[in-house]
Amino acid sequence: MPPLPGLSNLQFLVLGLLLEEPRSGRELRASLQIHGARKSTPAFYQLMARMEDAGLVDGHYAQHEAAGQIVRERHYRVTPAGRRAWRASHEFHLEVASWIQPTPARLHA
């Protein structure tokens, strides 16, 4: 049996989104909201800072112009450690799901 994953559901979702491609914080927040994860801006950036500190993601600032203003925006990409953590969590959940054969009664209890 694989060990319990060290990722929260939200961290797993963030890493999964970043596996597709690097994204800005704004893009990540929008994608999280589509999946039902609503975080305030400060809470989102605290989450991302913790994930950076854990070595799961790399972040950097990029500048661009928006409505005539120069805007600095944080961009993120998954690290090799983040890929490994996502994969381990994914494998854990797949294995656990393979043990359980839910019946309609169990699903609606």
PDB file of N, CA and C in Angstrom:
ATOM      1  N   MET A   1       0.844  -1.175   0.000  1.00  0.00           N
ATOM      2  CA  MET A   1       0.000   0.000   0.000  1.00  0.00           C
ATOM      3  C   MET A   1       0.894   1.243   0.000  1.00  0.00           C
ATOM      4  N   PRO A   2       0.610   2.194  -0.864  1.00  0.00           N
ATOM      5  CA  PRO A   2       1.416   3.424  -0.857  1.00  0.00           C
ATOM      6  C   PRO A   2       1.168   4.215   0.422  1.00  0.00           C
ATOM      7  N   PRO A   3       2.145   5.007   0.843  1.00  0.00           N
ATOM      8  CA  PRO A   3       1.963   5.804   2.059  1.00  0.00           C
ATOM      9  C   PRO A   3       0.888   6.876   1.850  1.00  0.00           C
ATOM     10  N   LEU A   4       0.335   7.349   2.964  1.00  0.00           N
ATOM     11  CA  LEU A   4      -0.644   8.436   2.886  1.00  0.00           C
ATOM     12  C   LEU A   4      -0.016   9.640   2.198  1.00  0.00           C
ATOM     13  N   PRO A   5      -0.761  10.272   1.305  1.00  0.00           N
ATOM     14  CA  PRO A   5      -0.198  11.439   0.616  1.00  0.00           C
ATOM     15  C   PRO A   5      -0.078  12.626   1.570  1.00  0.00           C
ATOM     16  N   GLY A   6       0.916  13.455   1.316  1.00  0.00           N
ATOM     17  CA  GLY A   6       1.133  14.629   2.148  1.00  0.00           C
ATOM     18  C   GLY A   6       0.467  15.877   1.612  1.00  0.00           C
ATOM     19  N   LEU A   7      -0.306  15.745   0.544  1.00  0.00           N
ATOM     20  CA  LEU A   7      -0.949  16.903  -0.071  1.00  0.00           C
ATOM     21  C   LEU A   7      -2.397  17.030   0.361  1.00  0.00           C
ATOM     22  N   SER A   8      -2.835  18.265   0.562  1.00  0.00           N
ATOM     23  CA  SER A   8      -4.262  18.506   0.766  1.00  0.00           C
ATOM     24  C   SER A   8      -4.953  18.411  -0.593  1.00  0.00           C
ATOM     25  N   ASN A   9      -6.265  18.321  -0.576  1.00  0.00           N
ATOM     26  CA  ASN A   9      -7.009  18.294  -1.840  1.00  0.00           C
ATOM     27  C   ASN A   9      -6.728  19.548  -2.664  1.00  0.00           C
ATOM     28  N   LEU A  10      -6.645  20.687  -2.005  1.00  0.00           N
ATOM     29  CA  LEU A  10      -6.394  21.942  -2.709  1.00  0.00           C
ATOM     30  C   LEU A  10      -4.992  21.964  -3.314  1.00  0.00           C
ATOM     31  N   GLN A  11      -3.999  21.502  -2.575  1.00  0.00           N
ATOM     32  CA  GLN A  11      -2.638  21.430  -3.124  1.00  0.00           C
ATOM     33  C   GLN A  11      -2.587  20.472  -4.314  1.00  0.00           C
ATOM     34  N   PHE A  12      -3.282  19.350  -4.205  1.00  0.00           N
ATOM     35  CA  PHE A  12      -3.340  18.384  -5.302  1.00  0.00           C
ATOM     36  C   PHE A  12      -3.940  19.034  -6.542  1.00  0.00           C
ATOM     37  N   LEU A  13      -5.006  19.793  -6.372  1.00  0.00           N
ATOM     38  CA  LEU A  13      -5.648  20.478  -7.488  1.00  0.00           C
ATOM     39  C   LEU A  13      -4.721  21.524  -8.103  1.00  0.00           C
ATOM     40  N   VAL A  14      -4.069  22.324  -7.273  1.00  0.00           N
ATOM     41  CA  VAL A  14      -3.141  23.351  -7.780  1.00  0.00           C
ATOM     42  C   VAL A  14      -2.032  22.697  -8.596  1.00  0.00           C
ATOM     43  N   LEU A  15      -1.425  21.656  -8.054  1.00  0.00           N
ATOM     44  CA  LEU A  15      -0.343  20.992  -8.779  1.00  0.00           C
ATOM     45  C   LEU A  15      -0.850  20.375 -10.077  1.00  0.00           C
ATOM     46  N   GLY A  16      -2.035  19.786 -10.043  1.00  0.00           N
ATOM     47  CA  GLY A  16      -2.606  19.209 -11.253  1.00  0.00           C
ATOM     48  C   GLY A  16      -2.807  20.255 -12.333  1.00  0.00           C
ATOM     49  N   LEU A  17      -3.269  21.431 -11.951  1.00  0.00           N
ATOM     50  CA  LEU A  17      -3.441  22.516 -12.917  1.00  0.00           C
ATOM     51  C   LEU A  17      -2.096  22.966 -13.474  1.00  0.00           C
ATOM     52  N   LEU A  18      -1.086  23.005 -12.614  1.00  0.00           N
ATOM     53  CA  LEU A  18       0.241  23.445 -13.058  1.00  0.00           C
ATOM     54  C   LEU A  18       0.962  22.374 -13.876  1.00  0.00           C
ATOM     55  N   LEU A  19       0.546  21.117 -13.756  1.00  0.00           N
ATOM     56  CA  LEU A  19       1.139  20.068 -14.599  1.00  0.00           C
ATOM     57  C   LEU A  19       0.823  20.342 -16.058  1.00  0.00           C
ATOM     58  N   GLU A  20      -0.356  20.918 -16.317  1.00  0.00           N
ATOM     59  CA  GLU A  20      -0.757  21.220 -17.687  1.00  0.00           C
ATOM     60  C   GLU A  20       0.143  22.285 -18.293  1.00  0.00           C
ATOM     61  N   GLU A  21       0.383  23.363 -17.520  1.00  0.00           N
ATOM     62  CA  GLU A  21       1.225  24.470 -17.986  1.00  0.00           C
ATOM     63  C   GLU A  21       1.438  25.452 -16.845  1.00  0.00           C
ATOM     64  N   PRO A  22       2.532  26.216 -16.883  1.00  0.00           N
ATOM     65  CA  PRO A  22       2.702  27.277 -15.888  1.00  0.00           C
ATOM     66  C   PRO A  22       1.557  28.283 -16.008  1.00  0.00           C
ATOM     67  N   ARG A  23       1.195  28.901 -14.895  1.00  0.00           N
ATOM     68  CA  ARG A  23       0.071  29.845 -14.891  1.00  0.00           C
ATOM     69  C   ARG A  23       0.359  31.010 -13.965  1.00  0.00           C
ATOM     70  N   SER A  24      -0.311  32.106 -14.238  1.00  0.00           N
ATOM     71  CA  SER A  24      -0.239  33.248 -13.330  1.00  0.00           C
ATOM     72  C   SER A  24      -1.144  32.963 -12.130  1.00  0.00           C
ATOM     73  N   GLY A  25      -0.916  33.696 -11.054  1.00  0.00           N
ATOM     74  CA  GLY A  25      -1.786  33.556  -9.892  1.00  0.00           C
ATOM     75  C   GLY A  25      -3.234  33.842 -10.247  1.00  0.00           C
ATOM     76  N   ARG A  26      -3.463  34.847 -11.060  1.00  0.00           N
ATOM     77  CA  ARG A  26      -4.824  35.201 -11.492  1.00  0.00           C
ATOM     78  C   ARG A  26      -5.474  34.037 -12.240  1.00  0.00           C
ATOM     79  N   GLU A  27      -4.720  33.416 -13.155  1.00  0.00           N
ATOM     80  CA  GLU A  27      -5.248  32.274 -13.916  1.00  0.00           C
ATOM     81  C   GLU A  27      -5.533  31.079 -13.000  1.00  0.00           C
ATOM     82  N   LEU A  28      -4.625  30.835 -12.058  1.00  0.00           N
ATOM     83  CA  LEU A  28      -4.828  29.728 -11.122  1.00  0.00           C
ATOM     84  C   LEU A  28      -6.077  29.935 -10.280  1.00  0.00           C
ATOM     85  N   ARG A  29      -6.248  31.156  -9.753  1.00  0.00           N
ATOM     86  CA  ARG A  29      -7.426  31.443  -8.931  1.00  0.00           C
ATOM     87  C   ARG A  29      -8.701  31.230  -9.730  1.00  0.00           C
ATOM     88  N   ALA A  30      -8.719  31.661 -10.992  1.00  0.00           N
ATOM     89  CA  ALA A  30      -9.900  31.472 -11.838  1.00  0.00           C
ATOM     90  C   ALA A  30     -10.173  29.977 -12.056  1.00  0.00           C
ATOM     91  N   SER A  31      -9.121  29.202 -12.301  1.00  0.00           N
ATOM     92  CA  SER A  31      -9.288  27.757 -12.500  1.00  0.00           C
ATOM     93  C   SER A  31      -9.772  27.079 -11.225  1.00  0.00           C
ATOM     94  N   LEU A  32      -9.248  27.499 -10.085  1.00  0.00           N
ATOM     95  CA  LEU A  32      -9.695  26.926  -8.812  1.00  0.00           C
ATOM     96  C   LEU A  32     -11.176  27.210  -8.580  1.00  0.00           C
ATOM     97  N   GLN A  33     -11.608  28.426  -8.905  1.00  0.00           N
ATOM     98  CA  GLN A  33     -13.018  28.775  -8.726  1.00  0.00           C
ATOM     99  C   GLN A  33     -13.914  27.917  -9.609  1.00  0.00           C
ATOM    100  N   ILE A  34     -13.469  27.628 -10.833  1.00  0.00           N
ATOM    101  CA  ILE A  34     -14.241  26.759 -11.725  1.00  0.00           C
ATOM    102  C   ILE A  34     -14.454  25.390 -11.070  1.00  0.00           C
ATOM    103  N   HIS A  35     -13.455  24.936 -10.301  1.00  0.00           N
ATOM    104  CA  HIS A  35     -13.534  23.631  -9.634  1.00  0.00           C
ATOM    105  C   HIS A  35     -14.142  23.728  -8.235  1.00  0.00           C
ATOM    106  N   GLY A  36     -14.690  24.892  -7.891  1.00  0.00           N
ATOM    107  CA  GLY A  36     -15.386  25.055  -6.616  1.00  0.00           C
ATOM    108  C   GLY A  36     -14.520  25.435  -5.437  1.00  0.00           C
ATOM    109  N   ALA A  37     -13.249  25.723  -5.671  1.00  0.00           N
ATOM    110  CA  ALA A  37     -12.344  26.115  -4.583  1.00  0.00           C
ATOM    111  C   ALA A  37     -12.229  27.634  -4.572  1.00  0.00           C
ATOM    112  N   ARG A  38     -12.944  28.266  -3.675  1.00  0.00           N
ATOM    113  CA  ARG A  38     -12.937  29.717  -3.604  1.00  0.00           C
ATOM    114  C   ARG A  38     -12.052  30.162  -2.451  1.00  0.00           C
ATOM    115  N   LYS A  39     -11.030  30.912  -2.768  1.00  0.00           N
ATOM    116  CA  LYS A  39     -10.091  31.424  -1.777  1.00  0.00           C
ATOM    117  C   LYS A  39     -10.003  32.928  -1.939  1.00  0.00           C
ATOM    118  N   SER A  40      -9.916  33.637  -0.831  1.00  0.00           N
ATOM    119  CA  SER A  40      -9.664  35.065  -0.933  1.00  0.00           C
ATOM    120  C   SER A  40      -8.264  35.250  -1.524  1.00  0.00           C
ATOM    121  N   THR A  41      -8.002  36.429  -2.052  1.00  0.00           N
ATOM    122  CA  THR A  41      -6.683  36.684  -2.635  1.00  0.00           C
ATOM    123  C   THR A  41      -5.570  36.458  -1.611  1.00  0.00           C
ATOM    124  N   PRO A  42      -5.671  37.030  -0.385  1.00  0.00           N
ATOM    125  CA  PRO A  42      -4.599  36.772   0.585  1.00  0.00           C
ATOM    126  C   PRO A  42      -4.448  35.290   0.927  1.00  0.00           C
ATOM    127  N   ALA A  43      -5.552  34.571   1.097  1.00  0.00           N
ATOM    128  CA  ALA A  43      -5.470  33.142   1.434  1.00  0.00           C
ATOM    129  C   ALA A  43      -4.832  32.357   0.293  1.00  0.00           C
ATOM    130  N   PHE A  44      -5.160  32.718  -0.949  1.00  0.00           N
ATOM    131  CA  PHE A  44      -4.564  32.032  -2.103  1.00  0.00           C
ATOM    132  C   PHE A  44      -3.052  32.237  -2.112  1.00  0.00           C
ATOM    133  N   TYR A  45      -2.601  33.471  -1.944  1.00  0.00           N
ATOM    134  CA  TYR A  45      -1.163  33.723  -2.014  1.00  0.00           C
ATOM    135  C   TYR A  45      -0.429  33.158  -0.794  1.00  0.00           C
ATOM    136  N   GLN A  46      -1.102  33.015   0.345  1.00  0.00           N
ATOM    137  CA  GLN A  46      -0.493  32.319   1.487  1.00  0.00           C
ATOM    138  C   GLN A  46      -0.304  30.841   1.155  1.00  0.00           C
ATOM    139  N   LEU A  47      -1.328  30.240   0.531  1.00  0.00           N
ATOM    140  CA  LEU A  47      -1.225  28.843   0.092  1.00  0.00           C
ATOM    141  C   LEU A  47      -0.047  28.681  -0.857  1.00  0.00           C
ATOM    142  N   MET A  48       0.054  29.570  -1.838  1.00  0.00           N
ATOM    143  CA  MET A  48       1.128  29.459  -2.825  1.00  0.00           C
ATOM    144  C   MET A  48       2.497  29.673  -2.186  1.00  0.00           C
ATOM    145  N   ALA A  49       2.586  30.580  -1.226  1.00  0.00           N
ATOM    146  CA  ALA A  49       3.862  30.800  -0.521  1.00  0.00           C
ATOM    147  C   ALA A  49       4.271  29.541   0.242  1.00  0.00           C
ATOM    148  N   ARG A  50       3.300  28.881   0.892  1.00  0.00           N
ATOM    149  CA  ARG A  50       3.607  27.628   1.602  1.00  0.00           C
ATOM    150  C   ARG A  50       4.055  26.545   0.618  1.00  0.00           C
ATOM    151  N   MET A  51       3.423  26.498  -0.548  1.00  0.00           N
ATOM    152  CA  MET A  51       3.815  25.504  -1.548  1.00  0.00           C
ATOM    153  C   MET A  51       5.198  25.811  -2.110  1.00  0.00           C
ATOM    154  N   GLU A  52       5.526  27.092  -2.245  1.00  0.00           N
ATOM    155  CA  GLU A  52       6.884  27.460  -2.670  1.00  0.00           C
ATOM    156  C   GLU A  52       7.888  27.061  -1.601  1.00  0.00           C
ATOM    157  N   ASP A  53       7.585  27.365  -0.331  1.00  0.00           N
ATOM    158  CA  ASP A  53       8.488  27.016   0.771  1.00  0.00           C
ATOM    159  C   ASP A  53       8.725  25.509   0.852  1.00  0.00           C
ATOM    160  N   ALA A  54       7.697  24.732   0.499  1.00  0.00           N
ATOM    161  CA  ALA A  54       7.809  23.265   0.525  1.00  0.00           C
ATOM    162  C   ALA A  54       8.518  22.719  -0.710  1.00  0.00           C
ATOM    163  N   GLY A  55       8.823  23.588  -1.677  1.00  0.00           N
ATOM    164  CA  GLY A  55       9.523  23.162  -2.885  1.00  0.00           C
ATOM    165  C   GLY A  55       8.633  22.509  -3.924  1.00  0.00           C
ATOM    166  N   LEU A  56       7.308  22.686  -3.787  1.00  0.00           N
ATOM    167  CA  LEU A  56       6.376  22.069  -4.729  1.00  0.00           C
ATOM    168  C   LEU A  56       6.173  22.902  -5.986  1.00  0.00           C
ATOM    169  N   VAL A  57       6.301  24.216  -5.856  1.00  0.00           N
ATOM    170  CA  VAL A  57       6.146  25.131  -6.993  1.00  0.00           C
ATOM    171  C   VAL A  57       7.247  26.181  -6.946  1.00  0.00           C
ATOM    172  N   ASP A  58       7.559  26.726  -8.095  1.00  0.00           N
ATOM    173  CA  ASP A  58       8.436  27.891  -8.217  1.00  0.00           C
ATOM    174  C   ASP A  58       7.570  29.057  -8.642  1.00  0.00           C
ATOM    175  N   GLY A  59       7.825  30.214  -8.081  1.00  0.00           N
ATOM    176  CA  GLY A  59       7.096  31.417  -8.466  1.00  0.00           C
ATOM    177  C   GLY A  59       8.053  32.518  -8.848  1.00  0.00           C
ATOM    178  N   HIS A  60       7.611  33.360  -9.766  1.00  0.00           N
ATOM    179  CA  HIS A  60       8.397  34.535 -10.141  1.00  0.00           C
ATOM    180  C   HIS A  60       7.436  35.639 -10.576  1.00  0.00           C
ATOM    181  N   TYR A  61       7.914  36.875 -10.519  1.00  0.00           N
ATOM    182  CA  TYR A  61       7.106  38.004 -10.961  1.00  0.00           C
ATOM    183  C   TYR A  61       7.398  38.304 -12.419  1.00  0.00           C
ATOM    184  N   ALA A  62       6.350  38.666 -13.135  1.00  0.00           N
ATOM    185  CA  ALA A  62       6.474  39.118 -14.519  1.00  0.00           C
ATOM    186  C   ALA A  62       5.679  40.411 -14.639  1.00  0.00           C
ATOM    187  N   GLN A  63       6.177  41.327 -15.456  1.00  0.00           N
ATOM    188  CA  GLN A  63       5.485  42.587 -15.674  1.00  0.00           C
ATOM    189  C   GLN A  63       4.792  42.573 -17.024  1.00  0.00           C
ATOM    190  N   HIS A  64       3.613  43.179 -17.052  1.00  0.00           N
ATOM    191  CA  HIS A  64       2.924  43.394 -18.314  1.00  0.00           C
ATOM    192  C   HIS A  64       2.073  44.657 -18.187  1.00  0.00           C
ATOM    193  N   GLU A  65       1.587  45.124 -19.312  1.00  0.00           N
ATOM    194  CA  GLU A  65       0.773  46.332 -19.302  1.00  0.00           C
ATOM    195  C   GLU A  65      -0.696  45.946 -19.365  1.00  0.00           C
ATOM    196  N   ALA A  66      -1.484  46.591 -18.513  1.00  0.00           N
ATOM    197  CA  ALA A  66      -2.933  46.378 -18.501  1.00  0.00           C
ATOM    198  C   ALA A  66      -3.600  47.731 -18.311  1.00  0.00           C
ATOM    199  N   ALA A  67      -4.405  48.130 -19.271  1.00  0.00           N
ATOM    200  CA  ALA A  67      -5.125  49.410 -19.225  1.00  0.00           C
ATOM    201  C   ALA A  67      -4.161  50.578 -19.014  1.00  0.00           C
ATOM    202  N   GLY A  68      -3.028  50.505 -19.702  1.00  0.00           N
ATOM    203  CA  GLY A  68      -2.057  51.599 -19.618  1.00  0.00           C
ATOM    204  C   GLY A  68      -1.219  51.607 -18.354  1.00  0.00           C
ATOM    205  N   GLN A  69      -1.371  50.610 -17.504  1.00  0.00           N
ATOM    206  CA  GLN A  69      -0.615  50.516 -16.253  1.00  0.00           C
ATOM    207  C   GLN A  69       0.346  49.331 -16.325  1.00  0.00           C
ATOM    208  N   ILE A  70       1.515  49.497 -15.745  1.00  0.00           N
ATOM    209  CA  ILE A  70       2.452  48.377 -15.609  1.00  0.00           C
ATOM    210  C   ILE A  70       2.021  47.573 -14.380  1.00  0.00           C
ATOM    211  N   VAL A  71       1.792  46.301 -14.591  1.00  0.00           N
ATOM    212  CA  VAL A  71       1.313  45.417 -13.530  1.00  0.00           C
ATOM    213  C   VAL A  71       2.332  44.307 -13.326  1.00  0.00           C
ATOM    214  N   ARG A  72       2.670  44.056 -12.062  1.00  0.00           N
ATOM    215  CA  ARG A  72       3.511  42.902 -11.710  1.00  0.00           C
ATOM    216  C   ARG A  72       2.600  41.772 -11.297  1.00  0.00           C
ATOM    217  N   GLU A  73       2.825  40.624 -11.898  1.00  0.00           N
ATOM    218  CA  GLU A  73       1.962  39.481 -11.636  1.00  0.00           C
ATOM    219  C   GLU A  73       2.820  38.273 -11.303  1.00  0.00           C
ATOM    220  N   ARG A  74       2.395  37.515 -10.301  1.00  0.00           N
ATOM    221  CA  ARG A  74       3.116  36.318  -9.882  1.00  0.00           C
ATOM    222  C   ARG A  74       2.742  35.160 -10.813  1.00  0.00           C
ATOM    223  N   HIS A  75       3.753  34.430 -11.267  1.00  0.00           N
ATOM    224  CA  HIS A  75       3.556  33.254 -12.129  1.00  0.00           C
ATOM    225  C   HIS A  75       4.155  32.040 -11.422  1.00  0.00           C
ATOM    226  N   TYR A  76       3.547  30.879 -11.660  1.00  0.00           N
ATOM    227  CA  TYR A  76       3.959  29.649 -10.980  1.00  0.00           C
ATOM    228  C   TYR A  76       4.151  28.521 -11.970  1.00  0.00           C
ATOM    229  N   ARG A  77       5.078  27.618 -11.596  1.00  0.00           N
ATOM    230  CA  ARG A  77       5.254  26.368 -12.333  1.00  0.00           C
ATOM    231  C   ARG A  77       5.539  25.282 -11.306  1.00  0.00           C
ATOM    232  N   VAL A  78       5.182  24.060 -11.651  1.00  0.00           N
ATOM    233  CA  VAL A  78       5.404  22.933 -10.757  1.00  0.00           C
ATOM    234  C   VAL A  78       6.881  22.543 -10.821  1.00  0.00           C
ATOM    235  N   THR A  79       7.432  22.135  -9.690  1.00  0.00           N
ATOM    236  CA  THR A  79       8.820  21.675  -9.618  1.00  0.00           C
ATOM    237  C   THR A  79       8.856  20.152  -9.758  1.00  0.00           C
ATOM    238  N   PRO A  80      10.040  19.583  -9.952  1.00  0.00           N
ATOM    239  CA  PRO A  80      10.122  18.114  -9.955  1.00  0.00           C
ATOM    240  C   PRO A  80       9.582  17.491  -8.664  1.00  0.00           C
ATOM    241  N   ALA A  81       9.846  18.120  -7.519  1.00  0.00           N
ATOM    242  CA  ALA A  81       9.307  17.605  -6.247  1.00  0.00           C
ATOM    243  C   ALA A  81       7.783  17.687  -6.235  1.00  0.00           C
ATOM    244  N   GLY A  82       7.231  18.743  -6.814  1.00  0.00           N
ATOM    245  CA  GLY A  82       5.780  18.876  -6.912  1.00  0.00           C
ATOM    246  C   GLY A  82       5.175  17.801  -7.801  1.00  0.00           C
ATOM    247  N   ARG A  83       5.863  17.493  -8.905  1.00  0.00           N
ATOM    248  CA  ARG A  83       5.396  16.411  -9.788  1.00  0.00           C
ATOM    249  C   ARG A  83       5.390  15.070  -9.047  1.00  0.00           C
ATOM    250  N   ARG A  84       6.457  14.815  -8.303  1.00  0.00           N
ATOM    251  CA  ARG A  84       6.537  13.551  -7.553  1.00  0.00           C
ATOM    252  C   ARG A  84       5.418  13.479  -6.498  1.00  0.00           C
ATOM    253  N   ALA A  85       5.196  14.576  -5.789  1.00  0.00           N
ATOM    254  CA  ALA A  85       4.154  14.603  -4.754  1.00  0.00           C
ATOM    255  C   ALA A  85       2.777  14.395  -5.371  1.00  0.00           C
ATOM    256  N   TRP A  86       2.517  15.040  -6.516  1.00  0.00           N
ATOM    257  CA  TRP A  86       1.223  14.876  -7.188  1.00  0.00           C
ATOM    258  C   TRP A  86       1.042  13.429  -7.631  1.00  0.00           C
ATOM    259  N   ARG A  87       2.080  12.865  -8.230  1.00  0.00           N
ATOM    260  CA  ARG A  87       2.015  11.482  -8.722  1.00  0.00           C
ATOM    261  C   ARG A  87       1.769  10.503  -7.564  1.00  0.00           C
ATOM    262  N   ALA A  88       2.481  10.696  -6.435  1.00  0.00           N
ATOM    263  CA  ALA A  88       2.307   9.804  -5.280  1.00  0.00           C
ATOM    264  C   ALA A  88       0.880   9.897  -4.738  1.00  0.00           C
ATOM    265  N   SER A  89       0.350  11.101  -4.662  1.00  0.00           N
ATOM    266  CA  SER A  89      -1.020  11.279  -4.181  1.00  0.00           C
ATOM    267  C   SER A  89      -2.023  10.652  -5.151  1.00  0.00           C
ATOM    268  N   HIS A  90      -1.794  10.859  -6.430  1.00  0.00           N
ATOM    269  CA  HIS A  90      -2.668  10.292  -7.461  1.00  0.00           C
ATOM    270  C   HIS A  90      -2.671   8.762  -7.368  1.00  0.00           C
ATOM    271  N   GLU A  91      -1.495   8.163  -7.260  1.00  0.00           N
ATOM    272  CA  GLU A  91      -1.391   6.703  -7.171  1.00  0.00           C
ATOM    273  C   GLU A  91      -2.070   6.172  -5.914  1.00  0.00           C
ATOM    274  N   PHE A  92      -1.908   6.882  -4.795  1.00  0.00           N
ATOM    275  CA  PHE A  92      -2.553   6.481  -3.549  1.00  0.00           C
ATOM    276  C   PHE A  92      -4.070   6.429  -3.726  1.00  0.00           C
ATOM    277  N   HIS A  93      -4.639   7.503  -4.270  1.00  0.00           N
ATOM    278  CA  HIS A  93      -6.097   7.574  -4.421  1.00  0.00           C
ATOM    279  C   HIS A  93      -6.611   6.536  -5.427  1.00  0.00           C
ATOM    280  N   LEU A  94      -5.853   6.302  -6.489  1.00  0.00           N
ATOM    281  CA  LEU A  94      -6.262   5.265  -7.441  1.00  0.00           C
ATOM    282  C   LEU A  94      -6.263   3.889  -6.781  1.00  0.00           C
ATOM    283  N   GLU A  95      -5.243   3.607  -5.979  1.00  0.00           N
ATOM    284  CA  GLU A  95      -5.179   2.297  -5.324  1.00  0.00           C
ATOM    285  C   GLU A  95      -6.314   2.138  -4.328  1.00  0.00           C
ATOM    286  N   VAL A  96      -6.552   3.133  -3.509  1.00  0.00           N
ATOM    287  CA  VAL A  96      -7.647   3.041  -2.537  1.00  0.00           C
ATOM    288  C   VAL A  96      -8.981   2.873  -3.261  1.00  0.00           C
ATOM    289  N   ALA A  97      -9.183   3.622  -4.336  1.00  0.00           N
ATOM    290  CA  ALA A  97     -10.435   3.507  -5.099  1.00  0.00           C
ATOM    291  C   ALA A  97     -10.602   2.110  -5.688  1.00  0.00           C
ATOM    292  N   SER A  98      -9.498   1.450  -6.021  1.00  0.00           N
ATOM    293  CA  SER A  98      -9.602   0.113  -6.608  1.00  0.00           C
ATOM    294  C   SER A  98     -10.045  -0.933  -5.583  1.00  0.00           C
ATOM    295  N   TRP A  99      -9.854  -0.670  -4.296  1.00  0.00           N
ATOM    296  CA  TRP A  99     -10.257  -1.618  -3.257  1.00  0.00           C
ATOM    297  C   TRP A  99     -11.750  -1.550  -2.983  1.00  0.00           C
ATOM    298  N   ILE A 100     -12.332  -0.419  -3.240  1.00  0.00           N
ATOM    299  CA  ILE A 100     -13.710  -0.164  -2.831  1.00  0.00           C
ATOM    300  C   ILE A 100     -14.620  -0.263  -4.046  1.00  0.00           C
ATOM    301  N   GLN A 101     -15.613  -1.089  -3.941  1.00  0.00           N
ATOM    302  CA  GLN A 101     -16.609  -1.211  -5.002  1.00  0.00           C
ATOM    303  C   GLN A 101     -17.904  -0.599  -4.469  1.00  0.00           C
ATOM    304  N   PRO A 102     -18.056   0.710  -4.665  1.00  0.00           N
ATOM    305  CA  PRO A 102     -19.249   1.347  -4.094  1.00  0.00           C
ATOM    306  C   PRO A 102     -20.537   0.859  -4.757  1.00  0.00           C
ATOM    307  N   THR A 103     -21.521   0.630  -3.935  1.00  0.00           N
ATOM    308  CA  THR A 103     -22.845   0.276  -4.434  1.00  0.00           C
ATOM    309  C   THR A 103     -23.708   1.526  -4.373  1.00  0.00           C
ATOM    310  N   PRO A 104     -24.790   1.565  -5.120  1.00  0.00           N
ATOM    311  CA  PRO A 104     -25.665   2.751  -5.033  1.00  0.00           C
ATOM    312  C   PRO A 104     -26.097   3.054  -3.601  1.00  0.00           C
ATOM    313  N   ALA A 105     -26.335   2.012  -2.800  1.00  0.00           N
ATOM    314  CA  ALA A 105     -26.745   2.239  -1.413  1.00  0.00           C
ATOM    315  C   ALA A 105     -25.646   2.957  -0.629  1.00  0.00           C
ATOM    316  N   ARG A 106     -24.389   2.573  -0.826  1.00  0.00           N
ATOM    317  CA  ARG A 106     -23.286   3.217  -0.129  1.00  0.00           C
ATOM    318  C   ARG A 106     -23.084   4.649  -0.586  1.00  0.00           C
ATOM    319  N   LEU A 107     -23.272   4.889  -1.887  1.00  0.00           N
ATOM    320  CA  LEU A 107     -23.073   6.229  -2.413  1.00  0.00           C
ATOM    321  C   LEU A 107     -24.112   7.219  -1.922  1.00  0.00           C
ATOM    322  N   HIS A 108     -25.315   6.746  -1.642  1.00  0.00           N
ATOM    323  CA  HIS A 108     -26.407   7.652  -1.271  1.00  0.00           C
ATOM    324  C   HIS A 108     -26.769   7.560   0.206  1.00  0.00           C
ATOM    325  N   ALA A 109     -25.964   6.869   0.997  1.00  0.00           N
ATOM    326  CA  ALA A 109     -26.261   6.712   2.433  1.00  0.00           C
ATOM    327  C   ALA A 109     -25.974   7.983   3.184  1.00  0.00           C
TER     328      ALA A 109
END
